[in-house]
Amino acid sequence: MHREDRLPQSPNEGIIFMLIISIISVNTIAPIIMGMEFSFSKENYLETLKVIPIMWIIVIILVRFVAGPLIGKVMPKFVGKTDGFNARILLNTLLNVTVLSILLTIIGTWFGSQQISLEPFQNFFHSWFRNFGVAFWIELLIAQPIARFAMKKLHSKQASKAKAVNL
C-alpha cells in the first residue's frame, strides 16, 4: 500500500489521520454505548460528554502504544501480496477494533464507575460484543472513510500545488 493516496504519507499526516478517526470515534461510539447501557437521555449524554476528553486521550495512548505495535506485528502474518487495499483496510480495522474494544470494555468501565473492580470481567462478553459491534460499524462506515477522504483531498491539493510550481 505504498503511496496510497487514501492513507497518510508522512508522520504529520499520520497524526492528522489518527486525530480525525479518534475524534469521530470517541464522539460517536461512547455516547451510543452509554445510551445502550443506561438509556438514551439528555442527562446520560451530558454525563458522557464529561468523560470524552479523558477517554480520547486514553484511546490515543492505546492506539499509539498498544494496538498499533501489536497489529503491526500481526498484519503481515495474515496479509498476502495479492490482497487489495480494501481487504487490507478491512483486516486492519477488524484487528484495531478488536484490540481497542477489549481494552476499552475494561478500562472504560473502570473509568466510568471511577473504581477498579471485577465488574468489567464479570460482564465482559455481554459488554464486549455490544461495544465491538458499535465500534466496528462506526469505524468501517463513518470514521475510516472520512479520514481516508481527508487524506485523498490533502494529497490531491498537494499534487495540484506541485503541478502549479512545475509549470
C-alpha atoms as a PDB file:
ATOM      1  CA  MET A   1       0.000   0.000   0.000  1.00  0.00           C
ATOM      2  CA  HIS A   2       2.999   2.232  -0.572  1.00  0.00           C
ATOM      3  CA  ARG A   3       1.940   5.714  -1.764  1.00  0.00           C
ATOM      4  CA  GLU A   4      -1.769   5.075  -1.430  1.00  0.00           C
ATOM      5  CA  ASP A   5      -3.483   8.492  -1.657  1.00  0.00           C
ATOM      6  CA  ARG A   6      -6.137   7.463   0.852  1.00  0.00           C
ATOM      7  CA  LEU A   7      -3.557   6.877   3.600  1.00  0.00           C
ATOM      8  CA  PRO A   8      -1.074   9.151   5.392  1.00  0.00           C
ATOM      9  CA  GLN A   9       2.276   9.614   3.651  1.00  0.00           C
ATOM     10  CA  SER A  10       4.205  11.287   6.469  1.00  0.00           C
ATOM     11  CA  PRO A  11       4.261  11.349  10.281  1.00  0.00           C
ATOM     12  CA  ASN A  12       2.364  14.664  10.293  1.00  0.00           C
ATOM     13  CA  GLU A  13      -0.320  13.221   8.036  1.00  0.00           C
ATOM     14  CA  GLY A  14      -0.437  10.177  10.314  1.00  0.00           C
ATOM     15  CA  ILE A  15      -1.234  12.471  13.231  1.00  0.00           C
ATOM     16  CA  ILE A  16      -3.996  14.201  11.254  1.00  0.00           C
ATOM     17  CA  PHE A  17      -5.398  10.826  10.174  1.00  0.00           C
ATOM     18  CA  MET A  18      -5.402   9.498  13.752  1.00  0.00           C
ATOM     19  CA  LEU A  19      -6.955  12.707  15.087  1.00  0.00           C
ATOM     20  CA  ILE A  20      -9.810  12.536  12.572  1.00  0.00           C
ATOM     21  CA  ILE A  21     -10.560   8.901  13.328  1.00  0.00           C
ATOM     22  CA  SER A  22     -10.200   9.211  17.099  1.00  0.00           C
ATOM     23  CA  ILE A  23     -12.307  12.363  17.415  1.00  0.00           C
ATOM     24  CA  ILE A  24     -15.113  10.883  15.321  1.00  0.00           C
ATOM     25  CA  SER A  25     -14.907   7.538  17.111  1.00  0.00           C
ATOM     26  CA  VAL A  26     -14.865   8.861  20.670  1.00  0.00           C
ATOM     27  CA  ASN A  27     -17.680  11.332  19.972  1.00  0.00           C
ATOM     28  CA  THR A  28     -19.953   8.697  18.427  1.00  0.00           C
ATOM     29  CA  ILE A  29     -19.048   5.349  19.973  1.00  0.00           C
ATOM     30  CA  ALA A  30     -19.009   6.485  23.621  1.00  0.00           C
ATOM     31  CA  PRO A  31     -22.447   8.175  23.545  1.00  0.00           C
ATOM     32  CA  ILE A  32     -24.022   5.212  21.731  1.00  0.00           C
ATOM     33  CA  ILE A  33     -22.566   2.658  24.147  1.00  0.00           C
ATOM     34  CA  MET A  34     -23.547   4.757  27.164  1.00  0.00           C
ATOM     35  CA  GLY A  35     -27.031   5.174  25.740  1.00  0.00           C
ATOM     36  CA  MET A  36     -27.376   1.435  25.217  1.00  0.00           C
ATOM     37  CA  GLU A  37     -26.082   0.759  28.733  1.00  0.00           C
ATOM     38  CA  PHE A  38     -28.026   3.379  30.691  1.00  0.00           C
ATOM     39  CA  SER A  39     -30.730   4.595  28.236  1.00  0.00           C
ATOM     40  CA  PHE A  40     -30.667   7.334  25.685  1.00  0.00           C
ATOM     41  CA  SER A  41     -31.385  10.538  27.564  1.00  0.00           C
ATOM     42  CA  LYS A  42     -30.114  14.077  27.670  1.00  0.00           C
ATOM     43  CA  GLU A  43     -28.701  13.509  31.169  1.00  0.00           C
ATOM     44  CA  ASN A  44     -26.745  10.419  30.119  1.00  0.00           C
ATOM     45  CA  TYR A  45     -25.447  12.192  27.032  1.00  0.00           C
ATOM     46  CA  LEU A  46     -24.248  15.149  29.127  1.00  0.00           C
ATOM     47  CA  GLU A  47     -22.516  12.741  31.546  1.00  0.00           C
ATOM     48  CA  THR A  48     -20.816  11.078  28.573  1.00  0.00           C
ATOM     49  CA  LEU A  49     -19.557  14.446  27.350  1.00  0.00           C
ATOM     50  CA  LYS A  50     -17.752  14.921  30.674  1.00  0.00           C
ATOM     51  CA  VAL A  51     -15.616  11.786  30.186  1.00  0.00           C
ATOM     52  CA  ILE A  52     -14.992  12.078  26.445  1.00  0.00           C
ATOM     53  CA  PRO A  53     -11.839  14.260  26.668  1.00  0.00           C
ATOM     54  CA  ILE A  54     -10.073  11.850  29.008  1.00  0.00           C
ATOM     55  CA  MET A  55     -11.311   8.794  27.096  1.00  0.00           C
ATOM     56  CA  TRP A  56      -9.990  10.402  23.909  1.00  0.00           C
ATOM     57  CA  ILE A  57      -6.517  10.684  25.473  1.00  0.00           C
ATOM     58  CA  ILE A  58      -6.737   7.056  26.632  1.00  0.00           C
ATOM     59  CA  VAL A  59      -7.739   5.954  23.121  1.00  0.00           C
ATOM     60  CA  ILE A  60      -4.813   7.843  21.539  1.00  0.00           C
ATOM     61  CA  ILE A  61      -2.367   6.266  24.015  1.00  0.00           C
ATOM     62  CA  LEU A  62      -3.788   2.770  23.425  1.00  0.00           C
ATOM     63  CA  VAL A  63      -3.692   3.162  19.640  1.00  0.00           C
ATOM     64  CA  ARG A  64      -0.150   4.505  19.650  1.00  0.00           C
ATOM     65  CA  PHE A  65       1.460   2.216  22.200  1.00  0.00           C
ATOM     66  CA  VAL A  66      -0.630  -0.969  22.297  1.00  0.00           C
ATOM     67  CA  ALA A  67      -2.877  -1.575  19.287  1.00  0.00           C
ATOM     68  CA  GLY A  68      -0.565  -0.048  16.664  1.00  0.00           C
ATOM     69  CA  PRO A  69       2.544  -2.059  17.515  1.00  0.00           C
ATOM     70  CA  LEU A  70       0.560  -5.274  18.091  1.00  0.00           C
ATOM     71  CA  ILE A  71      -1.321  -5.019  14.804  1.00  0.00           C
ATOM     72  CA  GLY A  72       1.872  -4.035  13.004  1.00  0.00           C
ATOM     73  CA  LYS A  73       3.284  -7.426  14.009  1.00  0.00           C
ATOM     74  CA  VAL A  74       0.137  -9.436  13.302  1.00  0.00           C
ATOM     75  CA  MET A  75      -0.914  -7.935   9.939  1.00  0.00           C
ATOM     76  CA  PRO A  76       1.973  -9.379   7.875  1.00  0.00           C
ATOM     77  CA  LYS A  77       1.021 -12.890   9.027  1.00  0.00           C
ATOM     78  CA  PHE A  78      -2.466 -12.554   7.507  1.00  0.00           C
ATOM     79  CA  VAL A  79      -1.982 -10.276   4.505  1.00  0.00           C
ATOM     80  CA  GLY A  80      -0.915 -11.707   1.176  1.00  0.00           C
ATOM     81  CA  LYS A  81       0.974  -9.939  -1.587  1.00  0.00           C
ATOM     82  CA  THR A  82      -2.076 -10.005  -3.847  1.00  0.00           C
ATOM     83  CA  ASP A  83      -4.509  -8.677  -1.222  1.00  0.00           C
ATOM     84  CA  GLY A  84      -6.033  -5.383  -2.295  1.00  0.00           C
ATOM     85  CA  PHE A  85      -6.449  -2.109  -0.482  1.00  0.00           C
ATOM     86  CA  ASN A  86      -9.992  -2.825   0.738  1.00  0.00           C
ATOM     87  CA  ALA A  87      -9.068  -6.252   2.119  1.00  0.00           C
ATOM     88  CA  ARG A  88      -6.108  -4.786   3.994  1.00  0.00           C
ATOM     89  CA  ILE A  89      -8.180  -1.902   5.383  1.00  0.00           C
ATOM     90  CA  LEU A  90     -10.943  -4.259   6.476  1.00  0.00           C
ATOM     91  CA  LEU A  91      -8.489  -6.560   8.277  1.00  0.00           C
ATOM     92  CA  ASN A  92      -6.687  -3.605   9.843  1.00  0.00           C
ATOM     93  CA  THR A  93      -9.997  -2.147  11.064  1.00  0.00           C
ATOM     94  CA  LEU A  94     -11.142  -5.519  12.399  1.00  0.00           C
ATOM     95  CA  LEU A  95      -7.900  -6.043  14.322  1.00  0.00           C
ATOM     96  CA  ASN A  96      -7.771  -2.492  15.678  1.00  0.00           C
ATOM     97  CA  VAL A  97     -11.383  -2.535  16.818  1.00  0.00           C
ATOM     98  CA  THR A  98     -10.913  -5.966  18.411  1.00  0.00           C
ATOM     99  CA  VAL A  99      -7.876  -4.896  20.450  1.00  0.00           C
ATOM    100  CA  LEU A 100      -9.272  -1.496  21.413  1.00  0.00           C
ATOM    101  CA  SER A 101     -12.751  -2.763  22.252  1.00  0.00           C
ATOM    102  CA  ILE A 102     -11.328  -5.447  24.544  1.00  0.00           C
ATOM    103  CA  LEU A 103      -9.159  -2.923  26.386  1.00  0.00           C
ATOM    104  CA  LEU A 104     -11.770  -0.166  26.489  1.00  0.00           C
ATOM    105  CA  THR A 105     -14.521  -2.515  27.695  1.00  0.00           C
ATOM    106  CA  ILE A 106     -12.414  -2.951  30.819  1.00  0.00           C
ATOM    107  CA  ILE A 107     -10.805   0.498  31.123  1.00  0.00           C
ATOM    108  CA  GLY A 108     -13.984   2.355  30.167  1.00  0.00           C
ATOM    109  CA  THR A 109     -15.962   0.565  32.868  1.00  0.00           C
ATOM    110  CA  TRP A 110     -13.318   1.384  35.465  1.00  0.00           C
ATOM    111  CA  PHE A 111     -13.160   4.991  34.363  1.00  0.00           C
ATOM    112  CA  GLY A 112     -16.930   5.391  34.128  1.00  0.00           C
ATOM    113  CA  SER A 113     -17.545   3.879  37.563  1.00  0.00           C
ATOM    114  CA  GLN A 114     -14.469   5.664  38.969  1.00  0.00           C
ATOM    115  CA  GLN A 115     -13.208   2.474  40.585  1.00  0.00           C
ATOM    116  CA  ILE A 116     -11.159  -0.542  39.662  1.00  0.00           C
ATOM    117  CA  SER A 117     -13.299  -3.623  40.190  1.00  0.00           C
ATOM    118  CA  LEU A 118     -14.051  -7.038  38.759  1.00  0.00           C
ATOM    119  CA  GLU A 119     -17.268  -5.765  37.160  1.00  0.00           C
ATOM    120  CA  PRO A 120     -15.886  -5.447  33.622  1.00  0.00           C
ATOM    121  CA  PHE A 121     -14.667  -9.048  33.788  1.00  0.00           C
ATOM    122  CA  GLN A 122     -17.943 -10.367  35.221  1.00  0.00           C
ATOM    123  CA  ASN A 123     -19.968  -8.779  32.384  1.00  0.00           C
ATOM    124  CA  PHE A 124     -17.218  -8.897  29.793  1.00  0.00           C
ATOM    125  CA  PHE A 125     -18.789 -10.943  27.000  1.00  0.00           C
ATOM    126  CA  HIS A 126     -22.136  -9.184  27.135  1.00  0.00           C
ATOM    127  CA  SER A 127     -20.486  -5.756  27.132  1.00  0.00           C
ATOM    128  CA  TRP A 128     -17.662  -6.542  24.742  1.00  0.00           C
ATOM    129  CA  PHE A 129     -19.837  -7.955  21.942  1.00  0.00           C
ATOM    130  CA  ARG A 130     -22.044  -4.855  22.071  1.00  0.00           C
ATOM    131  CA  ASN A 131     -19.055  -2.490  22.258  1.00  0.00           C
ATOM    132  CA  PHE A 132     -17.248  -4.286  19.441  1.00  0.00           C
ATOM    133  CA  GLY A 133     -20.326  -4.163  17.205  1.00  0.00           C
ATOM    134  CA  VAL A 134     -20.905  -0.453  17.738  1.00  0.00           C
ATOM    135  CA  ALA A 135     -17.219   0.422  17.308  1.00  0.00           C
ATOM    136  CA  PHE A 136     -16.688  -1.782  14.251  1.00  0.00           C
ATOM    137  CA  TRP A 137     -19.563  -0.296  12.257  1.00  0.00           C
ATOM    138  CA  ILE A 138     -18.745   3.298  13.263  1.00  0.00           C
ATOM    139  CA  GLU A 139     -15.124   2.756  12.211  1.00  0.00           C
ATOM    140  CA  LEU A 140     -15.982   0.934   8.996  1.00  0.00           C
ATOM    141  CA  LEU A 141     -18.804   3.185   7.784  1.00  0.00           C
ATOM    142  CA  ILE A 142     -18.028   6.611   9.245  1.00  0.00           C
ATOM    143  CA  ALA A 143     -14.632   7.318  10.849  1.00  0.00           C
ATOM    144  CA  GLN A 144     -12.298   5.465   8.466  1.00  0.00           C
ATOM    145  CA  PRO A 145     -13.974   6.639   5.232  1.00  0.00           C
ATOM    146  CA  ILE A 146     -13.951  10.278   6.401  1.00  0.00           C
ATOM    147  CA  ALA A 147     -10.267  10.080   7.356  1.00  0.00           C
ATOM    148  CA  ARG A 148      -9.340   8.410   4.043  1.00  0.00           C
ATOM    149  CA  PHE A 149     -11.354  11.048   2.142  1.00  0.00           C
ATOM    150  CA  ALA A 150      -9.478  13.792   4.003  1.00  0.00           C
ATOM    151  CA  MET A 151      -6.130  12.182   3.095  1.00  0.00           C
ATOM    152  CA  LYS A 152      -7.164  11.865  -0.555  1.00  0.00           C
ATOM    153  CA  LYS A 153      -8.193  15.540  -0.662  1.00  0.00           C
ATOM    154  CA  LEU A 154      -4.958  16.591   1.080  1.00  0.00           C
ATOM    155  CA  HIS A 155      -2.844  14.630  -1.405  1.00  0.00           C
ATOM    156  CA  SER A 156      -4.835  15.965  -4.337  1.00  0.00           C
ATOM    157  CA  LYS A 157      -4.258  19.517  -3.127  1.00  0.00           C
ATOM    158  CA  GLN A 158      -0.535  18.816  -2.670  1.00  0.00           C
ATOM    159  CA  ALA A 159      -0.336  17.364  -6.196  1.00  0.00           C
ATOM    160  CA  SER A 160      -2.080  20.425  -7.630  1.00  0.00           C
ATOM    161  CA  LYS A 161       0.364  22.746  -5.881  1.00  0.00           C
ATOM    162  CA  ALA A 162       3.336  20.699  -7.067  1.00  0.00           C
ATOM    163  CA  LYS A 163       1.981  20.737 -10.614  1.00  0.00           C
ATOM    164  CA  ALA A 164       1.465  24.525 -10.474  1.00  0.00           C
ATOM    165  CA  VAL A 165       5.040  25.036  -9.246  1.00  0.00           C
ATOM    166  CA  ASN A 166       6.431  22.896 -12.092  1.00  0.00           C
ATOM    167  CA  LEU A 167       4.586  24.874 -14.774  1.00  0.00           C
END
